[in-house]
Amino acid sequence: MRRLELESRDIFSKSAFILLFLSVLLTSCSSGGDDTSGEELKSSDKRITSFLLATANNATLSQNITGTINEDNKTIDLVVPFGISLTSLAPSITISDKAQISPDSGMPRNFASPVTFTVTAEDGTEATYTVTITNAQNSEKRITAFSFTVDMNPSVKEDIDGTIDESNKTITLNVPFGAAITALIPTIELSDGASSTPSSNTAIDFSSAVNFEVSAQDNSTTSYTVTVTRNESDYATLKAIYDANPGNTLSWDFNNLDISTYEGVNSENDRVTALTLTAKGLTVLPSQIGDLSMLSLLYLQNNGIESIPAEISNLSQTLTQFLLSNNPLKSIPAQIGTLTNLEFLDLFNTDITTIPSTIGNLNNLISLNLSQNFDLTGLPSEIGNLDNLTRLSLIGANYPIPTEIGNLSNLTFLNLSNADLSSFPTQVLGLTDLTELYLSGNTISTVPTGIGNLTNLSKLFLDSNSLTSLPTQIANLSNLTELNITNNTSLISIPQVICDLADADTTINKDAATSCM
């Protein structure tokens, strides 16, 4: 029994020892090694995880631009559209948790050259990124201006700018007739970075359309078609005038296509606007004169022209002055009446015998000279339709003066000198706008009292007539500056009130034998 008790006690002692050993062992394991129980590990992460140019922070951008990050090389690359300034861009940067970056995110910076950003991890270690921002290559490939300048092309006479149709990719230019169209040198302006073939400042044959290929900076291409036309020219018409008159004294050189250099020729854009061919030995006015559709002034005085072609009517829209004095004209065509823009018509000293009634259609005529036409048998009554006529000269008229002259209410100048008048033409007494009235060289014996109604008269010439008296109503002409009554041998005296006009600065020319009473 005692032995059993001792064995039990021995087993208990061993068990207690084992438990104590295990307890010490566990305690040792839980407290063994380095003692870091009061300290956390710090992060070494120092990455830029995103680099963005957002529209919200960059007004010049139309869309967000995301950078491409190369973590191995620590580089970030971005490409912004062509033309965007790189000098003030504000990046939005995302970095590792607990890291810091310098320069700061969101602040505008100059990216015209690469910029370095330093990222510092929580544990103080650093990484440096190089950010490079570039502009995309330009895709624009436009011809923005196309011209022929005088300094490069003397034959064009003035700078000529092309008309560019961008939608159809065409350019058109119109050059003078005499321009060297087979060797014109264009000046071309292009989009930034673009180039063209053919290139600017190169002599090119434009006698037919020319294609210009424009390459953008990004190598994309487009094509423009350039068409050059020459001005319509009156060169051929001038040559026809020259050739129709082999005895002419014109100095025109037809090897020179520039008609603006021709003597007596005024032109605009190779179209004749005025011809001054006075005393040039012309005997023929060819039908081609009607081709000068821009002609405004035609001066043909002192030549040997005998007829006017019917084609003169083609100038109805432009001709304003037609001077034909001192030519042996035999007739005037009815087509003269189509020249409704005519303002000045001079037919002084010709051989015409009649005036066509169509002259009454010239409602813009201001001045008409039919003097010294000694073969002229009369004037048509339609002469009275010339409502705007202010000057009428009928010197030497040996035909009856039509009563319709009295309808010319705007007439200010009337010359009926040497017109074989035996009596005062009473039809003029209603022309109250008259300022000059010339009746010299007739056989008028008396002047009607109605002369006093012409109160705007400044000049009254009654010299070389058969006057026997003057009415006192002439004294009513308060605007009279000159009164000529010389060479009237039967005029013994005139009223004193007329002589008194001299006190108002009227010059009175009278014979010494004519007294004032």
Protein backbone atom coordinates (compact mmCIF):
# COMPACT_ATOMS: atom_id res chain seq x y z
CA MET A 1 0.00 0.00 0.00
CA ARG A 2 2.73 2.43 0.91
CA ARG A 3 4.59 1.55 -2.21
CA LEU A 4 1.57 2.40 -4.30
CA GLU A 5 1.29 5.74 -2.56
CA LEU A 6 4.94 6.54 -3.24
CA GLU A 7 4.58 5.69 -6.91
CA SER A 8 1.56 7.97 -7.22
CA ARG A 9 3.40 10.84 -5.58
CA ASP A 10 6.32 10.34 -7.95
CA ILE A 11 4.07 10.48 -11.01
CA PHE A 12 2.49 13.73 -9.76
CA SER A 13 5.88 15.32 -9.21
CA LYS A 14 7.01 14.51 -12.72
CA SER A 15 3.80 15.85 -14.21
CA ALA A 16 4.16 19.10 -12.32
CA PHE A 17 7.69 19.48 -13.56
CA ILE A 18 6.66 18.95 -17.15
CA LEU A 19 3.92 21.58 -16.83
CA LEU A 20 6.34 24.08 -15.33
CA PHE A 21 8.83 23.48 -18.13
CA LEU A 22 6.23 24.01 -20.82
CA SER A 23 5.09 27.21 -19.15
CA VAL A 24 8.63 28.62 -19.08
CA LEU A 25 9.18 27.58 -22.67
CA LEU A 26 6.05 29.36 -23.90
CA THR A 27 6.94 32.50 -22.00
CA SER A 28 10.41 32.48 -23.50
CA CYS A 29 9.03 32.11 -27.05
CA SER A 30 6.58 34.97 -26.69
CA SER A 31 9.29 37.36 -25.47
CA GLY A 32 12.21 36.12 -27.57
CA GLY A 33 14.08 38.03 -30.46
CA ASP A 34 14.26 41.87 -31.09
CA ASP A 35 11.99 43.98 -28.96
CA THR A 36 9.92 46.17 -31.59
CA SER A 37 6.58 46.07 -29.91
CA GLY A 38 6.38 49.94 -29.69
CA GLU A 39 7.44 50.86 -33.30
CA GLU A 40 5.64 50.60 -36.85
CA LEU A 41 7.51 50.07 -40.14
CA LYS A 42 7.53 53.26 -42.53
CA SER A 43 6.59 53.01 -46.25
CA SER A 44 9.26 53.29 -48.90
CA ASP A 45 6.74 53.70 -51.77
CA LYS A 46 7.59 56.80 -53.87
CA ARG A 47 5.78 56.52 -57.19
CA ILE A 48 3.87 58.93 -59.44
CA THR A 49 0.81 56.89 -60.21
CA SER A 50 -0.85 59.35 -62.62
CA PHE A 51 0.04 62.62 -64.35
CA LEU A 52 -2.83 64.50 -65.97
CA LEU A 53 -3.38 67.80 -67.75
CA ALA A 54 -7.04 68.40 -67.02
CA THR A 55 -9.23 70.84 -68.94
CA ALA A 56 -10.52 72.14 -65.62
CA ASN A 57 -7.07 73.56 -64.83
CA ASN A 58 -5.91 74.33 -68.37
CA ALA A 59 -8.22 76.58 -70.34
CA THR A 60 -6.29 76.12 -73.58
CA LEU A 61 -7.06 72.40 -73.68
CA SER A 62 -10.23 70.97 -75.16
CA GLN A 63 -9.71 67.51 -73.64
CA ASN A 64 -7.79 65.89 -70.79
CA ILE A 65 -4.25 64.73 -71.61
CA THR A 66 -2.91 61.72 -69.67
CA GLY A 67 0.82 61.19 -69.32
CA THR A 68 2.56 57.92 -70.17
CA ILE A 69 4.62 56.82 -67.17
CA ASN A 70 7.75 54.73 -67.66
CA GLU A 71 8.48 53.49 -64.15
CA ASP A 72 11.76 51.87 -65.12
CA ASN A 73 13.23 55.05 -66.58
CA LYS A 74 11.30 57.36 -64.30
CA THR A 75 9.99 59.38 -67.27
CA ILE A 76 6.56 60.76 -68.07
CA ASP A 77 5.62 61.87 -71.59
CA LEU A 78 2.62 63.89 -72.76
CA VAL A 79 1.64 65.21 -76.19
CA VAL A 80 -0.66 68.23 -76.40
CA PRO A 81 -2.32 69.53 -79.57
CA PHE A 82 -0.35 71.66 -82.03
CA GLY A 83 -0.31 75.29 -81.12
CA ILE A 84 -0.93 74.84 -77.39
CA SER A 85 1.54 76.91 -75.39
CA LEU A 86 3.79 74.85 -73.12
CA THR A 87 4.80 77.75 -70.92
CA SER A 88 1.97 77.57 -68.38
CA LEU A 89 0.42 74.16 -67.87
CA ALA A 90 -0.96 72.96 -64.54
CA PRO A 91 -0.61 69.18 -63.99
CA SER A 92 -2.79 67.11 -61.70
CA ILE A 93 -0.50 64.49 -60.10
CA THR A 94 -1.35 61.40 -58.08
CA ILE A 95 1.43 59.79 -55.97
CA SER A 96 1.94 56.87 -53.59
CA ASP A 97 0.15 56.93 -50.24
CA LYS A 98 2.04 58.89 -47.57
CA ALA A 99 4.51 60.24 -50.19
CA GLN A 100 5.14 63.89 -51.03
CA ILE A 101 6.03 65.59 -54.36
CA SER A 102 7.91 68.68 -55.38
CA PRO A 103 6.98 70.82 -57.28
CA ASP A 104 3.40 70.64 -56.09
CA SER A 105 0.52 69.25 -58.08
CA GLY A 106 -1.93 71.75 -59.59
CA MET A 107 0.52 74.63 -59.97
CA PRO A 108 1.17 76.09 -63.47
CA ARG A 109 4.67 75.44 -64.72
CA ASN A 110 6.73 76.11 -67.81
CA PHE A 111 7.07 72.86 -69.76
CA ALA A 112 8.89 74.37 -72.72
CA SER A 113 11.74 72.12 -71.60
CA PRO A 114 11.62 68.92 -69.48
CA VAL A 115 10.70 69.40 -65.80
CA THR A 116 11.84 67.13 -62.95
CA PHE A 117 9.51 66.12 -60.12
CA THR A 118 10.89 64.59 -56.90
CA VAL A 119 8.73 62.14 -54.95
CA THR A 120 9.72 61.54 -51.31
CA ALA A 121 8.51 58.33 -49.64
CA GLU A 122 7.37 58.14 -46.02
CA ASP A 123 10.70 56.66 -45.05
CA GLY A 124 12.56 59.63 -46.60
CA THR A 125 13.80 57.91 -49.72
CA GLU A 126 13.38 59.79 -53.02
CA ALA A 127 12.63 59.13 -56.70
CA THR A 128 13.01 61.70 -59.48
CA TYR A 129 10.77 61.71 -62.54
CA THR A 130 11.46 63.70 -65.72
CA VAL A 131 8.31 65.04 -67.38
CA THR A 132 8.46 65.96 -71.06
CA ILE A 133 5.52 67.66 -72.80
CA THR A 134 5.59 68.21 -76.57
CA ASN A 135 3.21 69.57 -79.19
CA ALA A 136 1.67 67.23 -81.71
CA GLN A 137 2.72 67.84 -85.30
CA ASN A 138 0.44 70.19 -87.20
CA SER A 139 -2.13 68.49 -89.42
CA GLU A 140 -3.16 71.73 -91.14
CA LYS A 141 -2.31 71.82 -94.82
CA ARG A 142 -3.88 74.98 -96.17
CA ILE A 143 -2.76 77.55 -98.68
CA THR A 144 -3.62 80.69 -96.75
CA ALA A 145 -2.54 83.21 -99.41
CA PHE A 146 -1.54 83.01 -103.07
CA SER A 147 -0.46 86.06 -105.03
CA PHE A 148 1.56 87.44 -107.89
CA THR A 149 3.53 90.45 -106.68
CA VAL A 150 4.96 93.18 -108.86
CA ASP A 151 8.44 92.78 -107.41
CA MET A 152 8.50 89.14 -108.58
CA ASN A 153 6.36 89.67 -111.71
CA PRO A 154 6.84 93.11 -113.31
CA SER A 155 4.40 92.21 -116.11
CA VAL A 156 1.38 92.15 -113.77
CA LYS A 157 1.74 95.91 -113.03
CA GLU A 158 0.19 95.59 -109.55
CA ASP A 159 -0.02 92.93 -106.84
CA ILE A 160 -2.72 90.36 -107.60
CA ASP A 161 -4.21 88.25 -104.81
CA GLY A 162 -5.79 84.90 -105.58
CA THR A 163 -9.33 84.00 -104.58
CA ILE A 164 -9.17 80.85 -102.46
CA ASP A 165 -12.16 78.49 -102.35
CA GLU A 166 -11.25 76.29 -99.40
CA SER A 167 -14.22 73.95 -99.76
CA ASN A 168 -13.39 73.12 -103.38
CA LYS A 169 -9.64 73.54 -102.96
CA THR A 170 -9.38 75.96 -105.88
CA ILE A 171 -7.54 79.24 -106.35
CA THR A 172 -8.29 81.68 -109.17
CA LEU A 173 -6.40 84.75 -110.33
CA ASN A 174 -6.91 87.18 -113.19
CA VAL A 175 -3.81 88.83 -114.65
CA PRO A 176 -3.34 91.57 -117.26
CA PHE A 177 -3.53 90.58 -120.90
CA GLY A 178 0.17 91.27 -121.33
CA ALA A 179 1.33 89.30 -118.29
CA ALA A 180 3.99 86.64 -118.85
CA ILE A 181 1.56 83.82 -118.06
CA THR A 182 4.04 81.06 -118.96
CA ALA A 183 6.55 82.18 -116.34
CA LEU A 184 4.71 83.69 -113.41
CA ILE A 185 6.24 83.47 -109.94
CA PRO A 186 3.71 82.93 -107.14
CA THR A 187 4.16 84.00 -103.55
CA ILE A 188 2.51 81.35 -101.38
CA GLU A 189 1.67 81.37 -97.68
CA LEU A 190 0.93 78.04 -95.97
CA SER A 191 -0.19 76.64 -92.63
CA ASP A 192 2.57 76.47 -90.00
CA GLY A 193 5.03 73.73 -90.82
CA ALA A 194 3.47 72.90 -94.20
CA SER A 195 5.22 72.79 -97.56
CA SER A 196 4.02 72.83 -101.15
CA THR A 197 4.99 71.38 -104.49
CA PRO A 198 5.57 73.41 -106.63
CA SER A 199 7.01 75.77 -104.07
CA SER A 200 6.68 79.49 -103.56
CA ASN A 201 8.88 81.87 -105.56
CA THR A 202 9.32 79.44 -108.45
CA ALA A 203 8.56 80.37 -112.06
CA ILE A 204 5.61 78.29 -113.29
CA ASP A 205 3.69 78.01 -116.57
CA PHE A 206 0.09 78.94 -115.76
CA SER A 207 -1.22 78.72 -119.33
CA SER A 208 -3.25 75.78 -118.03
CA ALA A 209 -4.43 74.86 -114.53
CA VAL A 210 -1.68 73.85 -112.09
CA ASN A 211 -2.05 71.47 -109.13
CA PHE A 212 -0.26 72.36 -105.92
CA GLU A 213 0.22 69.55 -103.37
CA VAL A 214 0.42 70.76 -99.79
CA SER A 215 2.01 68.54 -97.14
CA ALA A 216 1.28 69.14 -93.46
CA GLN A 217 3.82 68.77 -90.69
CA ASP A 218 2.33 65.37 -89.91
CA ASN A 219 2.88 64.33 -93.57
CA SER A 220 -0.81 64.35 -94.48
CA THR A 221 -1.46 65.98 -97.88
CA THR A 222 -4.07 67.80 -99.92
CA SER A 223 -4.15 69.37 -103.37
CA TYR A 224 -5.25 72.78 -104.68
CA THR A 225 -5.98 73.59 -108.32
CA VAL A 226 -4.77 77.04 -109.38
CA THR A 227 -6.31 78.61 -112.48
CA VAL A 228 -4.95 81.83 -113.95
CA THR A 229 -6.89 83.75 -116.59
CA ARG A 230 -5.86 86.79 -118.55
CA ASN A 231 -7.98 89.91 -118.73
CA GLU A 232 -10.13 90.33 -121.77
CA SER A 233 -8.25 92.92 -123.79
CA ASP A 234 -9.10 95.61 -126.33
CA TYR A 235 -5.76 94.99 -128.00
CA ALA A 236 -7.40 93.48 -131.10
CA THR A 237 -9.80 96.41 -131.49
CA LEU A 238 -7.00 98.94 -131.32
CA LYS A 239 -5.12 96.98 -133.95
CA ALA A 240 -8.24 97.01 -136.14
CA ILE A 241 -8.40 100.82 -135.87
CA TYR A 242 -4.72 101.05 -136.71
CA ASP A 243 -4.93 98.68 -139.68
CA ALA A 244 -8.03 100.43 -141.10
CA ASN A 245 -6.04 103.66 -141.33
CA PRO A 246 -2.75 102.96 -143.10
CA GLY A 247 -1.96 106.67 -143.25
CA ASN A 248 -2.31 107.21 -139.50
CA THR A 249 0.30 108.89 -137.36
CA LEU A 250 -0.24 106.68 -134.32
CA SER A 251 2.87 105.43 -132.56
CA TRP A 252 1.36 102.19 -131.25
CA ASP A 253 3.77 99.23 -131.01
CA PHE A 254 1.77 96.02 -131.18
CA ASN A 255 4.73 93.95 -130.06
CA ASN A 256 3.92 95.42 -126.67
CA LEU A 257 0.70 93.84 -125.38
CA ASP A 258 0.28 96.44 -122.65
CA ILE A 259 -2.26 98.81 -124.23
CA SER A 260 -2.02 101.21 -121.30
CA THR A 261 1.30 102.36 -122.77
CA TYR A 262 -0.26 103.33 -126.11
CA GLU A 263 -0.47 107.01 -127.03
CA GLY A 264 -3.96 108.41 -126.52
CA VAL A 265 -5.27 105.30 -124.76
CA ASN A 266 -6.60 105.26 -121.22
CA SER A 267 -7.41 101.82 -119.87
CA GLU A 268 -8.33 99.86 -116.79
CA ASN A 269 -7.56 96.15 -116.59
CA ASP A 270 -6.75 96.03 -120.32
CA ARG A 271 -10.09 97.59 -121.29
CA VAL A 272 -10.06 100.94 -123.06
CA THR A 273 -11.94 103.64 -121.16
CA ALA A 274 -10.90 106.66 -123.22
CA LEU A 275 -9.50 107.23 -126.72
CA THR A 276 -7.94 110.58 -127.58
CA LEU A 277 -7.03 110.29 -131.26
CA THR A 278 -7.11 113.95 -132.23
CA ALA A 279 -5.38 114.76 -135.55
CA LYS A 280 -3.96 111.28 -136.08
CA GLY A 281 -4.66 110.96 -139.80
CA LEU A 282 -7.69 108.73 -139.35
CA THR A 283 -10.09 108.36 -142.27
CA VAL A 284 -12.06 105.32 -141.15
CA LEU A 285 -13.78 104.49 -137.89
CA PRO A 286 -14.11 100.69 -138.21
CA SER A 287 -17.08 98.70 -136.97
CA GLN A 288 -14.85 97.18 -134.28
CA ILE A 289 -15.20 100.45 -132.37
CA GLY A 290 -18.36 98.88 -131.00
CA ASP A 291 -16.27 96.23 -129.25
CA LEU A 292 -14.85 98.79 -126.82
CA SER A 293 -17.59 98.04 -124.34
CA MET A 294 -15.93 100.01 -121.52
CA LEU A 295 -15.32 103.14 -123.60
CA SER A 296 -16.48 106.34 -121.95
CA LEU A 297 -14.65 109.09 -123.86
CA LEU A 298 -14.09 109.10 -127.65
CA TYR A 299 -12.19 112.11 -129.00
CA LEU A 300 -11.72 112.06 -132.80
CA GLN A 301 -11.43 115.75 -133.67
CA ASN A 302 -9.43 116.99 -136.67
CA ASN A 303 -9.31 113.78 -138.67
CA GLY A 304 -10.70 112.70 -142.06
CA ILE A 305 -13.51 110.44 -140.85
CA GLU A 306 -16.54 110.41 -143.18
CA SER A 307 -18.94 108.06 -141.42
CA ILE A 308 -19.85 106.57 -138.06
CA PRO A 309 -20.55 102.82 -138.05
CA ALA A 310 -23.90 101.57 -136.79
CA GLU A 311 -21.98 99.50 -134.22
CA ILE A 312 -21.50 102.70 -132.25
CA SER A 313 -24.77 101.67 -130.60
CA ASN A 314 -22.86 98.94 -128.73
CA LEU A 315 -21.41 101.70 -126.57
CA SER A 316 -24.80 102.76 -125.25
CA GLN A 317 -24.02 101.79 -121.67
CA THR A 318 -20.70 103.57 -121.33
CA LEU A 319 -20.08 106.38 -123.83
CA THR A 320 -20.51 109.81 -122.25
CA GLN A 321 -18.40 112.05 -124.51
CA PHE A 322 -18.23 111.85 -128.32
CA LEU A 323 -16.23 114.61 -130.01
CA LEU A 324 -16.09 114.61 -133.84
CA SER A 325 -15.47 118.24 -134.75
CA ASN A 326 -13.57 119.08 -137.93
CA ASN A 327 -14.22 115.80 -139.73
CA PRO A 328 -15.80 115.50 -143.22
CA LEU A 329 -18.72 113.48 -141.87
CA LYS A 330 -21.45 112.95 -144.44
CA SER A 331 -24.13 111.60 -142.12
CA ILE A 332 -25.01 110.60 -138.60
CA PRO A 333 -26.53 107.12 -138.17
CA ALA A 334 -29.88 106.75 -136.46
CA GLN A 335 -28.09 104.54 -133.92
CA ILE A 336 -26.72 107.70 -132.36
CA GLY A 337 -30.00 107.79 -130.47
CA THR A 338 -29.10 104.63 -128.55
CA LEU A 339 -26.26 106.42 -126.74
CA THR A 340 -28.55 107.39 -123.90
CA ASN A 341 -25.66 107.98 -121.48
CA LEU A 342 -24.07 110.53 -123.77
CA GLU A 343 -23.48 113.91 -122.11
CA PHE A 344 -21.29 115.73 -124.65
CA LEU A 345 -21.74 115.54 -128.43
CA ASP A 346 -19.56 117.76 -130.61
CA LEU A 347 -20.29 117.79 -134.36
CA PHE A 348 -18.72 121.18 -135.09
CA ASN A 349 -17.71 121.82 -138.71
CA THR A 350 -18.68 118.63 -140.53
CA ASP A 351 -20.38 117.90 -143.86
CA ILE A 352 -23.57 116.43 -142.43
CA THR A 353 -26.85 117.40 -144.11
CA THR A 354 -29.36 116.01 -141.62
CA ILE A 355 -29.66 115.11 -137.97
CA PRO A 356 -31.66 111.94 -137.22
CA SER A 357 -34.78 112.40 -135.12
CA THR A 358 -33.39 109.80 -132.71
CA ILE A 359 -31.17 112.52 -131.28
CA GLY A 360 -34.18 113.35 -129.15
CA ASN A 361 -33.54 110.13 -127.19
CA LEU A 362 -30.33 111.50 -125.69
CA ASN A 363 -32.01 112.55 -122.47
CA ASN A 364 -28.71 112.78 -120.58
CA LEU A 365 -27.12 115.12 -123.09
CA ILE A 366 -25.70 118.25 -121.46
CA SER A 367 -23.81 119.86 -124.33
CA LEU A 368 -24.55 119.77 -128.08
CA ASN A 369 -22.40 121.57 -130.64
CA LEU A 370 -23.79 121.67 -134.19
CA SER A 371 -22.02 124.84 -135.23
CA GLN A 372 -20.49 125.50 -138.65
CA ASN A 373 -22.38 122.71 -140.39
CA PHE A 374 -23.14 124.71 -143.50
CA ASP A 375 -24.71 121.80 -145.38
CA LEU A 376 -27.16 121.05 -142.59
CA THR A 377 -30.71 121.68 -143.77
CA GLY A 378 -32.46 121.74 -140.42
CA LEU A 379 -32.98 120.29 -136.97
CA PRO A 380 -35.63 117.73 -136.07
CA SER A 381 -38.38 118.87 -133.73
CA GLU A 382 -37.23 116.12 -131.33
CA ILE A 383 -34.38 118.43 -130.36
CA GLY A 384 -36.86 119.84 -127.87
CA ASN A 385 -36.84 116.54 -125.95
CA LEU A 386 -33.34 117.10 -124.60
CA ASP A 387 -34.53 117.99 -121.12
CA ASN A 388 -31.07 118.05 -119.53
CA LEU A 389 -29.36 120.10 -122.22
CA THR A 390 -27.57 123.12 -120.76
CA ARG A 391 -25.36 124.17 -123.71
CA LEU A 392 -26.43 124.44 -127.35
CA SER A 393 -24.25 125.95 -130.05
CA LEU A 394 -25.73 126.54 -133.52
CA ILE A 395 -23.24 129.04 -134.93
CA GLY A 396 -23.68 129.46 -138.66
CA ALA A 397 -27.09 127.81 -138.80
CA ASN A 398 -28.68 128.76 -142.13
CA TYR A 399 -31.94 126.95 -141.47
CA PRO A 400 -34.99 127.87 -139.41
CA ILE A 401 -34.47 127.49 -135.67
CA PRO A 402 -37.19 125.10 -134.47
CA THR A 403 -39.68 126.48 -132.00
CA GLU A 404 -39.03 123.39 -129.85
CA ILE A 405 -35.82 125.08 -128.71
CA GLY A 406 -38.13 126.86 -126.30
CA ASN A 407 -38.70 123.55 -124.49
CA LEU A 408 -35.09 123.35 -123.34
CA SER A 409 -35.84 124.75 -119.91
CA ASN A 410 -32.43 123.87 -118.45
CA LEU A 411 -30.48 125.66 -121.14
CA THR A 412 -27.91 128.09 -119.73
CA PHE A 413 -25.82 128.69 -122.87
CA LEU A 414 -27.20 129.35 -126.37
CA ASN A 415 -25.15 130.50 -129.32
CA LEU A 416 -27.07 131.48 -132.46
CA SER A 417 -24.39 133.71 -133.91
CA ASN A 418 -24.23 134.05 -137.70
CA ALA A 419 -27.42 132.03 -137.94
CA ASP A 420 -29.05 134.12 -140.67
CA LEU A 421 -31.64 135.46 -138.22
CA SER A 422 -33.61 138.44 -139.49
CA SER A 423 -35.63 138.72 -136.30
CA PHE A 424 -35.12 137.98 -132.65
CA PRO A 425 -35.84 134.26 -131.93
CA THR A 426 -38.75 134.70 -129.55
CA GLN A 427 -38.70 130.99 -128.63
CA VAL A 428 -35.76 131.73 -126.33
CA LEU A 429 -37.66 134.24 -124.19
CA GLY A 430 -39.02 131.48 -121.96
CA LEU A 431 -35.56 130.04 -121.23
CA THR A 432 -35.21 131.77 -117.88
CA ASP A 433 -32.14 129.76 -116.85
CA LEU A 434 -30.08 131.27 -119.66
CA THR A 435 -26.88 132.91 -118.47
CA GLU A 436 -25.24 133.40 -121.88
CA LEU A 437 -27.04 134.33 -125.10
CA TYR A 438 -25.06 134.99 -128.26
CA LEU A 439 -26.90 136.45 -131.29
CA SER A 440 -23.95 138.10 -132.99
CA GLY A 441 -23.69 138.41 -136.77
CA ASN A 442 -27.35 138.35 -137.68
CA THR A 443 -29.71 141.00 -139.11
CA ILE A 444 -31.91 141.48 -136.06
CA SER A 445 -33.37 145.00 -135.92
CA THR A 446 -35.36 144.97 -132.69
CA VAL A 447 -35.30 143.15 -129.37
CA PRO A 448 -38.63 142.25 -127.72
CA THR A 449 -39.44 143.59 -124.27
CA GLY A 450 -39.61 140.00 -123.04
CA ILE A 451 -35.81 140.04 -122.91
CA GLY A 452 -36.25 141.53 -119.45
CA ASN A 453 -37.54 138.16 -118.20
CA LEU A 454 -34.15 136.53 -118.69
CA THR A 455 -32.94 137.80 -115.34
CA ASN A 456 -30.16 135.21 -115.03
CA LEU A 457 -28.35 136.50 -118.11
CA SER A 458 -24.74 137.42 -117.45
CA LYS A 459 -23.70 137.82 -121.10
CA LEU A 460 -25.81 139.19 -123.96
CA PHE A 461 -24.13 139.57 -127.33
CA LEU A 462 -26.08 141.47 -130.01
CA ASP A 463 -23.10 142.81 -131.93
CA SER A 464 -22.97 142.96 -135.72
CA ASN A 465 -26.72 143.12 -136.23
CA SER A 466 -29.12 145.74 -137.65
CA LEU A 467 -30.43 147.06 -134.36
CA THR A 468 -32.28 150.35 -134.35
CA SER A 469 -33.27 150.36 -130.69
CA LEU A 470 -33.09 148.49 -127.40
CA PRO A 471 -35.94 148.07 -124.93
CA THR A 472 -35.56 149.58 -121.47
CA GLN A 473 -36.33 146.12 -120.01
CA ILE A 474 -32.68 145.21 -120.58
CA ALA A 475 -32.06 147.31 -117.48
CA ASN A 476 -33.88 144.58 -115.51
CA LEU A 477 -31.01 142.18 -116.14
CA SER A 478 -29.37 142.71 -112.76
CA ASN A 479 -26.91 139.83 -113.24
CA LEU A 480 -25.61 141.11 -116.54
CA THR A 481 -21.82 141.41 -116.59
CA GLU A 482 -21.32 142.01 -120.32
CA LEU A 483 -23.49 143.59 -123.01
CA ASN A 484 -22.08 143.78 -126.53
CA ILE A 485 -23.97 145.91 -129.06
CA THR A 486 -21.04 147.02 -131.23
CA ASN A 487 -21.22 147.21 -135.01
CA ASN A 488 -24.88 148.18 -135.12
CA THR A 489 -24.61 151.22 -137.36
CA SER A 490 -28.32 152.04 -137.19
CA LEU A 491 -28.35 152.12 -133.41
CA ILE A 492 -28.16 155.85 -132.75
CA SER A 493 -29.00 155.75 -129.05
CA ILE A 494 -29.97 153.46 -126.19
CA PRO A 495 -31.95 154.20 -123.02
CA GLN A 496 -29.97 155.80 -120.22
CA VAL A 497 -31.17 153.10 -117.77
CA ILE A 498 -29.26 150.57 -119.85
CA CYS A 499 -26.15 152.70 -119.76
CA ASP A 500 -26.56 152.95 -116.00
CA LEU A 501 -25.88 149.22 -115.74
CA ALA A 502 -22.23 150.16 -116.04
CA ASP A 503 -22.49 151.53 -112.52
CA ALA A 504 -23.28 147.98 -111.39
CA ASP A 505 -20.11 146.62 -113.01
CA THR A 506 -21.71 145.65 -116.29
CA THR A 507 -19.31 146.01 -119.19
CA ILE A 508 -21.15 147.69 -122.06
CA ASN A 509 -19.46 147.50 -125.44
CA LYS A 510 -21.08 149.87 -127.93
CA ASP A 511 -20.11 151.96 -130.88
CA ALA A 512 -18.87 155.46 -130.14
CA ALA A 513 -21.67 156.83 -132.24
CA THR A 514 -24.31 155.20 -130.05
CA SER A 515 -25.34 157.59 -127.29
CA CYS A 516 -27.22 157.14 -124.03
CA MET A 517 -30.51 158.99 -123.74
